[in-house]
Amino acid sequence: MLSFRITIYRPVEEDTVSNADTDYDVVVIGGGAAGLSGALMLARARYSVLVVDGGAPRNAPAAHMHGYLGREGIDPNEFLLLGRAEVRRFGAEIREGTVTSVAPSEEGVRIDLAEGVLHARRALVATGLVDNLPELPGLAERWGRDVLHCPFCHGYEARDQQIGVLSTTPMSLHQAGLFRQWSDKMRFFTHTGPPLTDEQAEELTARDIEIIVGEVAAVEIVDDRLTGVRMVSGASHELQALVTGPTFSVRAGLLAAANITPSPHPSGIGDFIVADPTGRTASPSIWVAGNIADPANQVIGAAARGSEAAAAMIADLIAEDARRAVAARRAI
């Protein structure tokens, strides 16, 4: 897990647009791919930007990050360090901290931290989500290593291995169908998932996916490596990778003061914060990006959403500046 200290950087040039009534033009909450991507766009637009991050990235257990063009296979922590360095180059500040509340204010937004209060014209919330894993002895310790979720993140690395799918939700069947693309040695454990229909069982069998009925009792580990699972019945089944589908809970408690609460995701995989296509929430000064807005985003998608939200925020800030300039001219 990566942590870092509060660092103050050289301010942006004097002619940068800013608001004397606020500490920053934009405070970005969350320093992952979405937050840093948004901060980069905003800082390059010459706004004063602060990124507040708790230093606990969701993908920290993974040794490598996949599917990100130009950064394939990079260590997730190295990726974040590179992103922070790029953001800092354009005058943004980054600090370690925990935001407890974000709420609209006369200036734009009020941000409460454990160590004080900040005011900004806008806030970009990119706090991500929490993976709620099935309660199974040995499973959480292997998460992101040989207990997997996303085939696009880890399917190639698990290719041709003996892969098991732990059924816990209706999405488990979908996972089995996806991972079959990477291996023809597949086992589907019915575990606590919904009973298979005759049609579903026929489809799995037709694709040479072995169906193992019964509940799994534990993950088996030998020499820091997953070797299989043990059933409640006592039987063991050899595996090299185990696929499971967590449910997702967004980190959105800080938005309660703005009357923004999570909604159930249409897919049934968890919850998310409803926003317009640019990431703007029902509270006009607060925007969201990344997994808090779309739990299905991979890292590259989260970065794209952060960039898109920032572009929309820049247009919104420029429009506000124009309105203020017109009002000031008319008052002369």
C-alpha atoms as a PDB file:
ATOM      1  CA  MET A   1       0.000   0.000   0.000  1.00  0.00           C
ATOM      2  CA  LEU A   2       1.371   3.372  -1.000  1.00  0.00           C
ATOM      3  CA  SER A   3       1.233   6.488   1.163  1.00  0.00           C
ATOM      4  CA  PHE A   4       2.700   9.931   0.772  1.00  0.00           C
ATOM      5  CA  ARG A   5       3.036  13.162   2.690  1.00  0.00           C
ATOM      6  CA  ILE A   6       1.503  16.584   2.145  1.00  0.00           C
ATOM      7  CA  THR A   7       3.550  18.431  -0.448  1.00  0.00           C
ATOM      8  CA  ILE A   8       3.050  22.041  -1.489  1.00  0.00           C
ATOM      9  CA  TYR A   9       4.125  22.916  -5.006  1.00  0.00           C
ATOM     10  CA  ARG A  10       4.978  26.154  -6.710  1.00  0.00           C
ATOM     11  CA  PRO A  11       1.767  28.044  -7.521  1.00  0.00           C
ATOM     12  CA  VAL A  12       0.615  28.421 -11.090  1.00  0.00           C
ATOM     13  CA  GLU A  13       1.386  31.626 -12.939  1.00  0.00           C
ATOM     14  CA  GLU A  14      -0.134  34.855 -11.676  1.00  0.00           C
ATOM     15  CA  ASP A  15      -2.479  35.242 -14.628  1.00  0.00           C
ATOM     16  CA  THR A  16      -4.074  31.844 -14.036  1.00  0.00           C
ATOM     17  CA  VAL A  17      -7.843  32.046 -13.549  1.00  0.00           C
ATOM     18  CA  SER A  18      -8.745  31.743  -9.856  1.00  0.00           C
ATOM     19  CA  ASN A  19     -11.350  32.823  -7.347  1.00  0.00           C
ATOM     20  CA  ALA A  20     -10.227  34.821  -4.313  1.00  0.00           C
ATOM     21  CA  ASP A  21     -13.177  33.493  -2.276  1.00  0.00           C
ATOM     22  CA  THR A  22     -11.962  29.887  -2.517  1.00  0.00           C
ATOM     23  CA  ASP A  23      -8.849  27.936  -1.618  1.00  0.00           C
ATOM     24  CA  TYR A  24      -8.779  26.203  -5.019  1.00  0.00           C
ATOM     25  CA  ASP A  25     -10.658  26.247  -8.261  1.00  0.00           C
ATOM     26  CA  VAL A  26     -11.107  22.473  -8.092  1.00  0.00           C
ATOM     27  CA  VAL A  27     -10.498  19.888  -5.401  1.00  0.00           C
ATOM     28  CA  VAL A  28     -10.160  16.352  -6.724  1.00  0.00           C
ATOM     29  CA  ILE A  29     -11.005  13.690  -4.155  1.00  0.00           C
ATOM     30  CA  GLY A  30      -9.311  10.409  -4.942  1.00  0.00           C
ATOM     31  CA  GLY A  31      -5.889   9.974  -6.516  1.00  0.00           C
ATOM     32  CA  GLY A  32      -6.427   6.939  -8.717  1.00  0.00           C
ATOM     33  CA  ALA A  33      -6.571   6.847 -12.506  1.00  0.00           C
ATOM     34  CA  ALA A  34      -9.814   8.846 -12.745  1.00  0.00           C
ATOM     35  CA  GLY A  35      -8.828  11.512 -10.229  1.00  0.00           C
ATOM     36  CA  LEU A  36      -5.313  12.028 -11.549  1.00  0.00           C
ATOM     37  CA  SER A  37      -6.491  12.101 -15.157  1.00  0.00           C
ATOM     38  CA  GLY A  38      -9.044  14.765 -14.264  1.00  0.00           C
ATOM     39  CA  ALA A  39      -6.493  16.724 -12.251  1.00  0.00           C
ATOM     40  CA  LEU A  40      -4.050  16.673 -15.172  1.00  0.00           C
ATOM     41  CA  MET A  41      -6.618  18.175 -17.545  1.00  0.00           C
ATOM     42  CA  LEU A  42      -7.672  20.827 -15.025  1.00  0.00           C
ATOM     43  CA  ALA A  43      -4.118  21.806 -14.113  1.00  0.00           C
ATOM     44  CA  ARG A  44      -3.161  22.070 -17.784  1.00  0.00           C
ATOM     45  CA  ALA A  45      -6.120  24.428 -18.182  1.00  0.00           C
ATOM     46  CA  ARG A  46      -4.350  26.641 -15.611  1.00  0.00           C
ATOM     47  CA  TYR A  47      -6.795  26.144 -12.769  1.00  0.00           C
ATOM     48  CA  SER A  48      -5.604  25.789  -9.188  1.00  0.00           C
ATOM     49  CA  VAL A  49      -6.063  22.125  -8.317  1.00  0.00           C
ATOM     50  CA  LEU A  50      -5.654  20.065  -5.163  1.00  0.00           C
ATOM     51  CA  VAL A  51      -5.795  16.256  -5.170  1.00  0.00           C
ATOM     52  CA  VAL A  52      -6.649  14.674  -1.825  1.00  0.00           C
ATOM     53  CA  ASP A  53      -5.968  10.946  -1.633  1.00  0.00           C
ATOM     54  CA  GLY A  54      -6.160   8.415   1.179  1.00  0.00           C
ATOM     55  CA  GLY A  55      -3.283   6.335  -0.184  1.00  0.00           C
ATOM     56  CA  ALA A  56      -5.177   3.028  -0.425  1.00  0.00           C
ATOM     57  CA  PRO A  57      -5.613   2.163  -4.120  1.00  0.00           C
ATOM     58  CA  ARG A  58      -8.119  -0.576  -4.895  1.00  0.00           C
ATOM     59  CA  ASN A  59      -5.746  -2.460  -7.213  1.00  0.00           C
ATOM     60  CA  ALA A  60      -2.834  -2.485  -4.736  1.00  0.00           C
ATOM     61  CA  PRO A  61      -2.935  -6.321  -4.362  1.00  0.00           C
ATOM     62  CA  ALA A  62      -2.230  -6.774  -8.084  1.00  0.00           C
ATOM     63  CA  ALA A  63       1.393  -6.966  -9.220  1.00  0.00           C
ATOM     64  CA  HIS A  64       0.626  -5.811 -12.743  1.00  0.00           C
ATOM     65  CA  MET A  65      -1.941  -3.667 -14.541  1.00  0.00           C
ATOM     66  CA  HIS A  66      -3.255  -4.776 -17.920  1.00  0.00           C
ATOM     67  CA  GLY A  67      -5.186  -3.413 -20.869  1.00  0.00           C
ATOM     68  CA  TYR A  68      -3.820   0.135 -20.614  1.00  0.00           C
ATOM     69  CA  LEU A  69      -2.288   1.105 -23.950  1.00  0.00           C
ATOM     70  CA  GLY A  70       1.309   2.239 -23.500  1.00  0.00           C
ATOM     71  CA  ARG A  71       1.463   0.962 -19.909  1.00  0.00           C
ATOM     72  CA  GLU A  72       0.710  -2.744 -20.367  1.00  0.00           C
ATOM     73  CA  GLY A  73       1.975  -4.823 -17.449  1.00  0.00           C
ATOM     74  CA  ILE A  74       3.051  -1.875 -15.315  1.00  0.00           C
ATOM     75  CA  ASP A  75       3.044  -2.121 -11.525  1.00  0.00           C
ATOM     76  CA  PRO A  76      -0.081  -0.232 -10.320  1.00  0.00           C
ATOM     77  CA  ASN A  77       1.942   1.713  -7.753  1.00  0.00           C
ATOM     78  CA  GLU A  78       4.462   2.785 -10.393  1.00  0.00           C
ATOM     79  CA  PHE A  79       1.570   3.894 -12.593  1.00  0.00           C
ATOM     80  CA  LEU A  80       0.254   6.137  -9.816  1.00  0.00           C
ATOM     81  CA  LEU A  81       3.702   7.602  -9.144  1.00  0.00           C
ATOM     82  CA  LEU A  82       4.067   8.490 -12.821  1.00  0.00           C
ATOM     83  CA  GLY A  83       0.607  10.037 -12.827  1.00  0.00           C
ATOM     84  CA  ARG A  84       1.306  12.133  -9.757  1.00  0.00           C
ATOM     85  CA  ALA A  85       4.541  13.387 -11.248  1.00  0.00           C
ATOM     86  CA  GLU A  86       2.731  14.470 -14.402  1.00  0.00           C
ATOM     87  CA  VAL A  87       0.027  16.273 -12.422  1.00  0.00           C
ATOM     88  CA  ARG A  88       2.602  18.071 -10.292  1.00  0.00           C
ATOM     89  CA  ARG A  89       4.438  19.318 -13.383  1.00  0.00           C
ATOM     90  CA  PHE A  90       1.508  21.621 -14.093  1.00  0.00           C
ATOM     91  CA  GLY A  91       1.290  23.135 -10.609  1.00  0.00           C
ATOM     92  CA  ALA A  92      -1.336  20.940  -8.963  1.00  0.00           C
ATOM     93  CA  GLU A  93      -0.934  19.998  -5.316  1.00  0.00           C
ATOM     94  CA  ILE A  94      -1.325  16.499  -3.902  1.00  0.00           C
ATOM     95  CA  ARG A  95      -1.829  15.696  -0.280  1.00  0.00           C
ATOM     96  CA  GLU A  96      -2.595  12.653   1.793  1.00  0.00           C
ATOM     97  CA  GLY A  97      -5.832  12.948   3.706  1.00  0.00           C
ATOM     98  CA  THR A  98      -9.374  11.793   4.224  1.00  0.00           C
ATOM     99  CA  VAL A  99     -12.331  13.841   3.062  1.00  0.00           C
ATOM    100  CA  THR A 100     -15.306  13.340   5.346  1.00  0.00           C
ATOM    101  CA  SER A 101     -17.862  15.536   3.604  1.00  0.00           C
ATOM    102  CA  VAL A 102     -18.489  17.405   0.356  1.00  0.00           C
ATOM    103  CA  ALA A 103     -21.404  19.815   0.174  1.00  0.00           C
ATOM    104  CA  PRO A 104     -22.528  22.730  -2.008  1.00  0.00           C
ATOM    105  CA  SER A 105     -21.756  26.185  -0.660  1.00  0.00           C
ATOM    106  CA  GLU A 106     -22.094  29.798  -1.735  1.00  0.00           C
ATOM    107  CA  GLU A 107     -18.589  29.682  -3.233  1.00  0.00           C
ATOM    108  CA  GLY A 108     -19.187  26.325  -4.936  1.00  0.00           C
ATOM    109  CA  VAL A 109     -18.305  23.464  -2.599  1.00  0.00           C
ATOM    110  CA  ARG A 110     -17.183  23.024   0.984  1.00  0.00           C
ATOM    111  CA  ILE A 111     -14.816  20.090   1.587  1.00  0.00           C
ATOM    112  CA  ASP A 112     -14.374  18.856   5.148  1.00  0.00           C
ATOM    113  CA  LEU A 113     -11.199  16.936   5.950  1.00  0.00           C
ATOM    114  CA  ALA A 114     -10.091  15.397   9.203  1.00  0.00           C
ATOM    115  CA  GLU A 115      -7.595  18.254   9.569  1.00  0.00           C
ATOM    116  CA  GLY A 116      -9.704  21.184   8.419  1.00  0.00           C
ATOM    117  CA  VAL A 117     -12.027  22.731   5.841  1.00  0.00           C
ATOM    118  CA  LEU A 118     -11.418  23.747   2.229  1.00  0.00           C
ATOM    119  CA  HIS A 119     -13.519  25.752  -0.203  1.00  0.00           C
ATOM    120  CA  ALA A 120     -13.458  25.343  -3.966  1.00  0.00           C
ATOM    121  CA  ARG A 121     -15.465  26.321  -6.991  1.00  0.00           C
ATOM    122  CA  ARG A 122     -15.927  22.688  -8.015  1.00  0.00           C
ATOM    123  CA  ALA A 123     -15.208  19.195  -6.716  1.00  0.00           C
ATOM    124  CA  LEU A 124     -14.414  16.062  -8.694  1.00  0.00           C
ATOM    125  CA  VAL A 125     -15.097  12.942  -6.633  1.00  0.00           C
ATOM    126  CA  ALA A 126     -13.211   9.864  -7.817  1.00  0.00           C
ATOM    127  CA  THR A 127     -13.144   7.783  -4.660  1.00  0.00           C
ATOM    128  CA  GLY A 128     -13.869   4.478  -6.390  1.00  0.00           C
ATOM    129  CA  LEU A 129     -15.412   1.467  -4.727  1.00  0.00           C
ATOM    130  CA  VAL A 130     -14.878  -1.421  -2.338  1.00  0.00           C
ATOM    131  CA  ASP A 131     -14.870  -5.058  -3.448  1.00  0.00           C
ATOM    132  CA  ASN A 132     -17.134  -7.129  -1.187  1.00  0.00           C
ATOM    133  CA  LEU A 133     -15.683 -10.616  -1.570  1.00  0.00           C
ATOM    134  CA  PRO A 134     -17.454 -13.872  -0.724  1.00  0.00           C
ATOM    135  CA  GLU A 135     -16.674 -15.031   2.788  1.00  0.00           C
ATOM    136  CA  LEU A 136     -14.515 -18.057   2.139  1.00  0.00           C
ATOM    137  CA  PRO A 137     -11.381 -19.012   4.101  1.00  0.00           C
ATOM    138  CA  GLY A 138      -8.236 -18.198   2.142  1.00  0.00           C
ATOM    139  CA  LEU A 139      -9.970 -16.278  -0.650  1.00  0.00           C
ATOM    140  CA  ALA A 140      -9.302 -12.651   0.329  1.00  0.00           C
ATOM    141  CA  GLU A 141      -5.580 -13.285   0.785  1.00  0.00           C
ATOM    142  CA  ARG A 142      -5.284 -14.388  -2.860  1.00  0.00           C
ATOM    143  CA  TRP A 143      -7.365 -11.537  -4.314  1.00  0.00           C
ATOM    144  CA  GLY A 144      -5.709  -9.968  -7.345  1.00  0.00           C
ATOM    145  CA  ARG A 145      -3.135 -12.762  -7.508  1.00  0.00           C
ATOM    146  CA  ASP A 146      -4.751 -16.093  -8.419  1.00  0.00           C
ATOM    147  CA  VAL A 147      -8.268 -15.236  -7.235  1.00  0.00           C
ATOM    148  CA  LEU A 148      -9.554 -13.159 -10.110  1.00  0.00           C
ATOM    149  CA  HIS A 149     -12.574 -11.225 -11.272  1.00  0.00           C
ATOM    150  CA  CYS A 150     -12.018  -9.509 -14.615  1.00  0.00           C
ATOM    151  CA  PRO A 151     -11.061 -11.600 -17.665  1.00  0.00           C
ATOM    152  CA  PHE A 152      -9.843  -8.509 -19.505  1.00  0.00           C
ATOM    153  CA  CYS A 153      -7.481  -7.730 -16.617  1.00  0.00           C
ATOM    154  CA  HIS A 154      -6.150 -11.239 -15.939  1.00  0.00           C
ATOM    155  CA  GLY A 155      -7.524 -13.647 -18.532  1.00  0.00           C
ATOM    156  CA  TYR A 156      -4.390 -13.729 -20.669  1.00  0.00           C
ATOM    157  CA  GLU A 157      -2.173 -14.385 -17.651  1.00  0.00           C
ATOM    158  CA  ALA A 158      -4.436 -17.324 -16.667  1.00  0.00           C
ATOM    159  CA  ARG A 159      -4.578 -18.714 -20.196  1.00  0.00           C
ATOM    160  CA  ASP A 160      -4.662 -22.515 -20.536  1.00  0.00           C
ATOM    161  CA  GLN A 161      -4.718 -22.953 -16.767  1.00  0.00           C
ATOM    162  CA  GLN A 162      -7.224 -24.971 -14.769  1.00  0.00           C
ATOM    163  CA  ILE A 163      -9.700 -22.214 -13.870  1.00  0.00           C
ATOM    164  CA  GLY A 164     -12.605 -22.502 -11.471  1.00  0.00           C
ATOM    165  CA  VAL A 165     -15.583 -20.154 -11.320  1.00  0.00           C
ATOM    166  CA  LEU A 166     -17.188 -19.713  -7.905  1.00  0.00           C
ATOM    167  CA  SER A 167     -20.886 -19.048  -8.472  1.00  0.00           C
ATOM    168  CA  THR A 168     -22.326 -16.474  -6.083  1.00  0.00           C
ATOM    169  CA  THR A 169     -24.538 -14.260  -8.269  1.00  0.00           C
ATOM    170  CA  PRO A 170     -26.271 -14.444 -11.672  1.00  0.00           C
ATOM    171  CA  MET A 171     -23.152 -12.771 -13.124  1.00  0.00           C
ATOM    172  CA  SER A 172     -21.069 -15.875 -12.330  1.00  0.00           C
ATOM    173  CA  LEU A 173     -22.461 -17.679 -15.352  1.00  0.00           C
ATOM    174  CA  HIS A 174     -21.406 -14.734 -17.508  1.00  0.00           C
ATOM    175  CA  GLN A 175     -17.900 -14.924 -16.032  1.00  0.00           C
ATOM    176  CA  ALA A 176     -17.656 -18.617 -16.890  1.00  0.00           C
ATOM    177  CA  GLY A 177     -18.578 -17.902 -20.488  1.00  0.00           C
ATOM    178  CA  LEU A 178     -15.973 -15.138 -20.717  1.00  0.00           C
ATOM    179  CA  PHE A 179     -13.064 -16.994 -19.132  1.00  0.00           C
ATOM    180  CA  ARG A 180     -13.720 -19.971 -21.419  1.00  0.00           C
ATOM    181  CA  GLN A 181     -12.152 -17.796 -24.144  1.00  0.00           C
ATOM    182  CA  TRP A 182      -8.789 -18.075 -22.361  1.00  0.00           C
ATOM    183  CA  SER A 183      -8.857 -21.705 -21.238  1.00  0.00           C
ATOM    184  CA  ASP A 184     -10.580 -24.949 -22.142  1.00  0.00           C
ATOM    185  CA  LYS A 185      -9.931 -26.334 -18.653  1.00  0.00           C
ATOM    186  CA  MET A 186     -12.858 -24.844 -16.750  1.00  0.00           C
ATOM    187  CA  ARG A 187     -14.822 -25.867 -13.671  1.00  0.00           C
ATOM    188  CA  PHE A 188     -18.035 -24.178 -12.548  1.00  0.00           C
ATOM    189  CA  PHE A 189     -18.778 -24.518  -8.818  1.00  0.00           C
ATOM    190  CA  THR A 190     -22.476 -23.937  -8.112  1.00  0.00           C
ATOM    191  CA  HIS A 191     -21.582 -22.914  -4.517  1.00  0.00           C
ATOM    192  CA  THR A 192     -24.188 -20.361  -3.288  1.00  0.00           C
ATOM    193  CA  GLY A 193     -25.196 -19.030  -6.692  1.00  0.00           C
ATOM    194  CA  PRO A 194     -28.658 -19.312  -8.201  1.00  0.00           C
ATOM    195  CA  PRO A 195     -29.619 -22.818  -9.373  1.00  0.00           C
ATOM    196  CA  LEU A 196     -28.759 -23.491 -12.988  1.00  0.00           C
ATOM    197  CA  THR A 197     -31.608 -23.918 -15.433  1.00  0.00           C
ATOM    198  CA  ASP A 198     -31.499 -26.893 -17.790  1.00  0.00           C
ATOM    199  CA  GLU A 199     -30.582 -24.542 -20.627  1.00  0.00           C
ATOM    200  CA  GLN A 200     -27.711 -22.971 -18.655  1.00  0.00           C
ATOM    201  CA  ALA A 201     -26.335 -26.356 -17.636  1.00  0.00           C
ATOM    202  CA  GLU A 202     -26.540 -27.544 -21.252  1.00  0.00           C
ATOM    203  CA  GLU A 203     -24.614 -24.499 -22.452  1.00  0.00           C
ATOM    204  CA  LEU A 204     -21.843 -24.987 -19.893  1.00  0.00           C
ATOM    205  CA  THR A 205     -21.559 -28.669 -20.741  1.00  0.00           C
ATOM    206  CA  ALA A 206     -21.565 -27.976 -24.471  1.00  0.00           C
ATOM    207  CA  ARG A 207     -18.544 -25.701 -23.969  1.00  0.00           C
ATOM    208  CA  ASP A 208     -16.744 -28.392 -21.943  1.00  0.00           C
ATOM    209  CA  ILE A 209     -17.111 -26.520 -18.656  1.00  0.00           C
ATOM    210  CA  GLU A 210     -17.341 -29.070 -15.851  1.00  0.00           C
ATOM    211  CA  ILE A 211     -20.200 -28.417 -13.407  1.00  0.00           C
ATOM    212  CA  ILE A 212     -19.444 -29.246  -9.786  1.00  0.00           C
ATOM    213  CA  VAL A 213     -22.526 -29.120  -7.577  1.00  0.00           C
ATOM    214  CA  GLY A 214     -22.117 -28.200  -3.932  1.00  0.00           C
ATOM    215  CA  GLU A 215     -20.740 -25.542  -1.644  1.00  0.00           C
ATOM    216  CA  VAL A 216     -17.044 -24.712  -1.450  1.00  0.00           C
ATOM    217  CA  ALA A 217     -15.625 -24.704   2.079  1.00  0.00           C
ATOM    218  CA  ALA A 218     -12.175 -23.179   1.582  1.00  0.00           C
ATOM    219  CA  VAL A 219      -9.448 -22.184  -0.840  1.00  0.00           C
ATOM    220  CA  GLU A 220      -6.406 -24.463  -0.691  1.00  0.00           C
ATOM    221  CA  ILE A 221      -2.946 -22.888  -0.710  1.00  0.00           C
ATOM    222  CA  VAL A 222       0.477 -24.569  -0.946  1.00  0.00           C
ATOM    223  CA  ASP A 223       3.755 -22.611  -0.939  1.00  0.00           C
ATOM    224  CA  ASP A 224       1.987 -19.267  -1.435  1.00  0.00           C
ATOM    225  CA  ARG A 225       0.113 -20.577  -4.462  1.00  0.00           C
ATOM    226  CA  LEU A 226      -3.532 -21.486  -4.998  1.00  0.00           C
ATOM    227  CA  THR A 227      -3.802 -25.217  -5.677  1.00  0.00           C
ATOM    228  CA  GLY A 228      -7.548 -25.790  -5.522  1.00  0.00           C
ATOM    229  CA  VAL A 229     -10.668 -25.666  -3.403  1.00  0.00           C
ATOM    230  CA  ARG A 230     -12.103 -27.982  -0.773  1.00  0.00           C
ATOM    231  CA  MET A 231     -15.820 -28.700  -0.816  1.00  0.00           C
ATOM    232  CA  VAL A 232     -18.083 -28.930   2.235  1.00  0.00           C
ATOM    233  CA  SER A 233     -18.412 -32.604   1.293  1.00  0.00           C
ATOM    234  CA  GLY A 234     -14.663 -33.002   1.837  1.00  0.00           C
ATOM    235  CA  ALA A 235     -13.764 -33.465  -1.816  1.00  0.00           C
ATOM    236  CA  SER A 236     -10.946 -31.360  -3.274  1.00  0.00           C
ATOM    237  CA  HIS A 237     -10.634 -30.052  -6.810  1.00  0.00           C
ATOM    238  CA  GLU A 238      -7.361 -28.906  -8.342  1.00  0.00           C
ATOM    239  CA  LEU A 239      -7.213 -25.346  -9.685  1.00  0.00           C
ATOM    240  CA  GLN A 240      -4.586 -22.847 -10.727  1.00  0.00           C
ATOM    241  CA  ALA A 241      -6.922 -19.838 -10.675  1.00  0.00           C
ATOM    242  CA  LEU A 242     -10.281 -19.130  -9.104  1.00  0.00           C
ATOM    243  CA  VAL A 243     -12.743 -16.603 -10.503  1.00  0.00           C
ATOM    244  CA  THR A 244     -15.251 -14.922  -8.241  1.00  0.00           C
ATOM    245  CA  GLY A 245     -17.599 -11.989  -8.616  1.00  0.00           C
ATOM    246  CA  PRO A 246     -17.606  -9.515  -5.726  1.00  0.00           C
ATOM    247  CA  THR A 247     -20.374  -7.042  -5.177  1.00  0.00           C
ATOM    248  CA  PHE A 248     -19.312  -3.411  -5.286  1.00  0.00           C
ATOM    249  CA  SER A 249     -19.970  -0.641  -2.772  1.00  0.00           C
ATOM    250  CA  VAL A 250     -18.982   2.846  -3.839  1.00  0.00           C
ATOM    251  CA  ARG A 251     -17.102   5.063  -1.421  1.00  0.00           C
ATOM    252  CA  ALA A 252     -19.793   7.718  -1.332  1.00  0.00           C
ATOM    253  CA  GLY A 253     -20.455   8.473   2.324  1.00  0.00           C
ATOM    254  CA  LEU A 254     -18.753  11.856   1.908  1.00  0.00           C
ATOM    255  CA  LEU A 255     -21.536  12.911  -0.511  1.00  0.00           C
ATOM    256  CA  ALA A 256     -24.381  12.496   1.992  1.00  0.00           C
ATOM    257  CA  ALA A 257     -24.209  16.178   2.979  1.00  0.00           C
ATOM    258  CA  ALA A 258     -24.940  17.049  -0.661  1.00  0.00           C
ATOM    259  CA  ASN A 259     -27.978  14.718  -0.620  1.00  0.00           C
ATOM    260  CA  ILE A 260     -26.237  12.449  -3.118  1.00  0.00           C
ATOM    261  CA  THR A 261     -26.668   8.774  -2.307  1.00  0.00           C
ATOM    262  CA  PRO A 262     -25.804   5.581  -4.196  1.00  0.00           C
ATOM    263  CA  SER A 263     -28.368   3.875  -6.419  1.00  0.00           C
ATOM    264  CA  PRO A 264     -28.500   0.169  -7.312  1.00  0.00           C
ATOM    265  CA  HIS A 265     -26.592  -0.541 -10.502  1.00  0.00           C
ATOM    266  CA  PRO A 266     -28.800  -1.974 -13.297  1.00  0.00           C
ATOM    267  CA  SER A 267     -26.501  -4.998 -13.634  1.00  0.00           C
ATOM    268  CA  GLY A 268     -27.057  -6.016 -10.014  1.00  0.00           C
ATOM    269  CA  ILE A 269     -23.314  -5.935  -9.241  1.00  0.00           C
ATOM    270  CA  GLY A 270     -23.584  -3.231  -6.590  1.00  0.00           C
ATOM    271  CA  ASP A 271     -24.298   0.481  -6.476  1.00  0.00           C
ATOM    272  CA  PHE A 272     -23.115   3.682  -8.152  1.00  0.00           C
ATOM    273  CA  ILE A 273     -23.638   7.440  -8.169  1.00  0.00           C
ATOM    274  CA  VAL A 274     -26.032   8.658 -10.832  1.00  0.00           C
ATOM    275  CA  ALA A 275     -24.624  11.461 -12.982  1.00  0.00           C
ATOM    276  CA  ASP A 276     -25.066  12.867 -16.468  1.00  0.00           C
ATOM    277  CA  PRO A 277     -22.794  11.597 -19.271  1.00  0.00           C
ATOM    278  CA  THR A 278     -20.082  14.112 -18.320  1.00  0.00           C
ATOM    279  CA  GLY A 279     -20.101  13.098 -14.644  1.00  0.00           C
ATOM    280  CA  ARG A 280     -22.085  16.031 -13.275  1.00  0.00           C
ATOM    281  CA  THR A 281     -24.292  15.042 -10.353  1.00  0.00           C
ATOM    282  CA  ALA A 282     -27.612  16.471  -9.179  1.00  0.00           C
ATOM    283  CA  SER A 283     -25.526  18.981  -7.203  1.00  0.00           C
ATOM    284  CA  PRO A 284     -24.151  21.196 -10.026  1.00  0.00           C
ATOM    285  CA  SER A 285     -20.792  21.964  -8.409  1.00  0.00           C
ATOM    286  CA  ILE A 286     -19.993  18.291  -7.738  1.00  0.00           C
ATOM    287  CA  TRP A 287     -18.832  15.838 -10.405  1.00  0.00           C
ATOM    288  CA  VAL A 288     -17.948  12.145 -10.252  1.00  0.00           C
ATOM    289  CA  ALA A 289     -15.666   9.968 -12.370  1.00  0.00           C
ATOM    290  CA  GLY A 290     -14.315   6.435 -12.445  1.00  0.00           C
ATOM    291  CA  ASN A 291     -15.726   3.465 -10.580  1.00  0.00           C
ATOM    292  CA  ILE A 292     -17.908   5.586  -8.315  1.00  0.00           C
ATOM    293  CA  ALA A 293     -19.887   6.444 -11.452  1.00  0.00           C
ATOM    294  CA  ASP A 294     -19.440   3.145 -13.304  1.00  0.00           C
ATOM    295  CA  PRO A 295     -18.332   0.039 -11.362  1.00  0.00           C
ATOM    296  CA  ALA A 296     -17.499  -1.732 -14.636  1.00  0.00           C
ATOM    297  CA  ASN A 297     -14.751   0.739 -15.615  1.00  0.00           C
ATOM    298  CA  GLN A 298     -11.293  -0.762 -16.012  1.00  0.00           C
ATOM    299  CA  VAL A 299      -8.315   1.474 -15.268  1.00  0.00           C
ATOM    300  CA  ILE A 300      -8.117   2.844 -18.802  1.00  0.00           C
ATOM    301  CA  GLY A 301     -11.866   3.550 -18.794  1.00  0.00           C
ATOM    302  CA  ALA A 302     -11.674   5.268 -15.413  1.00  0.00           C
ATOM    303  CA  ALA A 303      -8.869   7.499 -16.684  1.00  0.00           C
ATOM    304  CA  ALA A 304     -10.956   8.380 -19.737  1.00  0.00           C
ATOM    305  CA  ARG A 305     -13.960   9.261 -17.576  1.00  0.00           C
ATOM    306  CA  GLY A 306     -11.782  11.502 -15.411  1.00  0.00           C
ATOM    307  CA  SER A 307     -10.506  13.319 -18.461  1.00  0.00           C
ATOM    308  CA  GLU A 308     -14.009  13.741 -19.892  1.00  0.00           C
ATOM    309  CA  ALA A 309     -15.386  15.040 -16.592  1.00  0.00           C
ATOM    310  CA  ALA A 310     -12.539  17.548 -16.341  1.00  0.00           C
ATOM    311  CA  ALA A 311     -13.163  18.828 -19.865  1.00  0.00           C
ATOM    312  CA  ALA A 312     -16.823  19.420 -19.013  1.00  0.00           C
ATOM    313  CA  MET A 313     -15.844  21.112 -15.746  1.00  0.00           C
ATOM    314  CA  ILE A 314     -13.477  23.433 -17.616  1.00  0.00           C
ATOM    315  CA  ALA A 315     -16.291  24.464 -19.968  1.00  0.00           C
ATOM    316  CA  ASP A 316     -18.557  25.038 -16.964  1.00  0.00           C
ATOM    317  CA  LEU A 317     -15.968  27.178 -15.161  1.00  0.00           C
ATOM    318  CA  ILE A 318     -15.324  29.235 -18.287  1.00  0.00           C
ATOM    319  CA  ALA A 319     -19.052  29.846 -18.677  1.00  0.00           C
ATOM    320  CA  GLU A 320     -19.238  30.975 -15.054  1.00  0.00           C
ATOM    321  CA  ASP A 321     -16.291  33.328 -15.561  1.00  0.00           C
ATOM    322  CA  ALA A 322     -17.998  34.804 -18.608  1.00  0.00           C
ATOM    323  CA  ARG A 323     -21.220  35.443 -16.661  1.00  0.00           C
ATOM    324  CA  ARG A 324     -19.273  37.121 -13.875  1.00  0.00           C
ATOM    325  CA  ALA A 325     -17.328  39.270 -16.312  1.00  0.00           C
ATOM    326  CA  VAL A 326     -20.533  40.449 -18.004  1.00  0.00           C
ATOM    327  CA  ALA A 327     -22.132  41.231 -14.625  1.00  0.00           C
ATOM    328  CA  ALA A 328     -19.066  43.177 -13.528  1.00  0.00           C
ATOM    329  CA  ARG A 329     -18.971  45.161 -16.771  1.00  0.00           C
ATOM    330  CA  ARG A 330     -22.653  46.054 -16.467  1.00  0.00           C
ATOM    331  CA  ALA A 331     -22.123  47.227 -12.896  1.00  0.00           C
ATOM    332  CA  ILE A 332     -19.594  49.854 -13.963  1.00  0.00           C
END
